Amino acid sequence: MPKDAFMCRMPEFRSEYFDDLPAYILNTETMLSSINRKNRNVNNYNRAIGGN
């Protein structure tokens, strides 16, 4: 993930602290899991519509 995406949301953090910042790690994992969940939902939806 590009760190810039978080920099604009959390400008109070300087980029050199990002790699070992627990909040950044938690944020990334939460975001990735929500993206995965969303992709699964889209896949299920496409399967239902396509009849596969």
Protein backbone atom coordinates (compact mmCIF):
# COMPACT_ATOMS: atom_id res chain seq x y z
CA MET A 1 0.00 0.00 0.00
CA PRO A 2 1.28 3.51 -0.73
CA LYS A 3 1.93 5.41 2.48
CA ASP A 4 0.76 8.62 0.82
CA ALA A 5 -2.84 7.44 1.11
CA PHE A 6 -2.50 7.51 4.89
CA MET A 7 -0.41 10.67 4.99
CA CYS A 8 -3.26 12.80 3.70
CA ARG A 9 -5.61 11.35 6.33
CA MET A 10 -3.13 11.50 9.20
CA PRO A 11 -0.86 14.50 8.58
CA GLU A 12 0.26 14.59 12.21
CA PHE A 13 2.41 11.49 11.61
CA ARG A 14 5.74 12.00 9.88
CA SER A 15 6.51 9.38 7.25
CA GLU A 16 9.72 8.09 8.88
CA TYR A 17 7.62 6.77 11.79
CA PHE A 18 5.13 4.97 9.62
CA ASP A 19 6.89 1.63 9.22
CA ASP A 20 6.70 0.70 12.89
CA LEU A 21 3.64 2.69 13.89
CA PRO A 22 1.03 0.38 15.48
CA ALA A 23 -1.85 2.62 14.43
CA TYR A 24 -0.63 2.50 10.83
CA ILE A 25 -0.33 -1.30 10.95
CA LEU A 26 -3.79 -1.68 12.49
CA ASN A 27 -5.24 0.72 9.96
CA THR A 28 -3.68 -1.18 7.07
CA GLU A 29 -4.88 -4.57 8.30
CA THR A 30 -8.39 -3.26 8.89
CA MET A 31 -8.48 -1.71 5.45
CA LEU A 32 -7.10 -4.82 3.74
CA SER A 33 -9.59 -7.10 5.49
CA SER A 34 -12.47 -4.83 4.51
CA ILE A 35 -11.22 -4.82 0.90
CA ASN A 36 -11.01 -8.62 0.93
CA ARG A 37 -14.54 -8.86 2.35
CA LYS A 38 -15.81 -6.48 -0.32
CA ASN A 39 -14.14 -8.49 -3.09
CA ARG A 40 -15.69 -11.70 -1.77
CA ASN A 41 -19.12 -10.08 -1.78
CA VAL A 42 -18.64 -8.88 -5.36
CA ASN A 43 -17.50 -12.34 -6.44
CA ASN A 44 -20.53 -13.99 -4.82
CA TYR A 45 -22.79 -11.42 -6.46
CA ASN A 46 -21.25 -12.03 -9.89
CA ARG A 47 -21.56 -15.80 -9.43
CA ALA A 48 -25.22 -15.48 -8.49
CA ILE A 49 -25.98 -13.30 -11.50
CA GLY A 50 -23.87 -15.31 -13.94
CA GLY A 51 -25.18 -18.62 -12.66
CA ASN A 52 -21.65 -20.03 -12.35
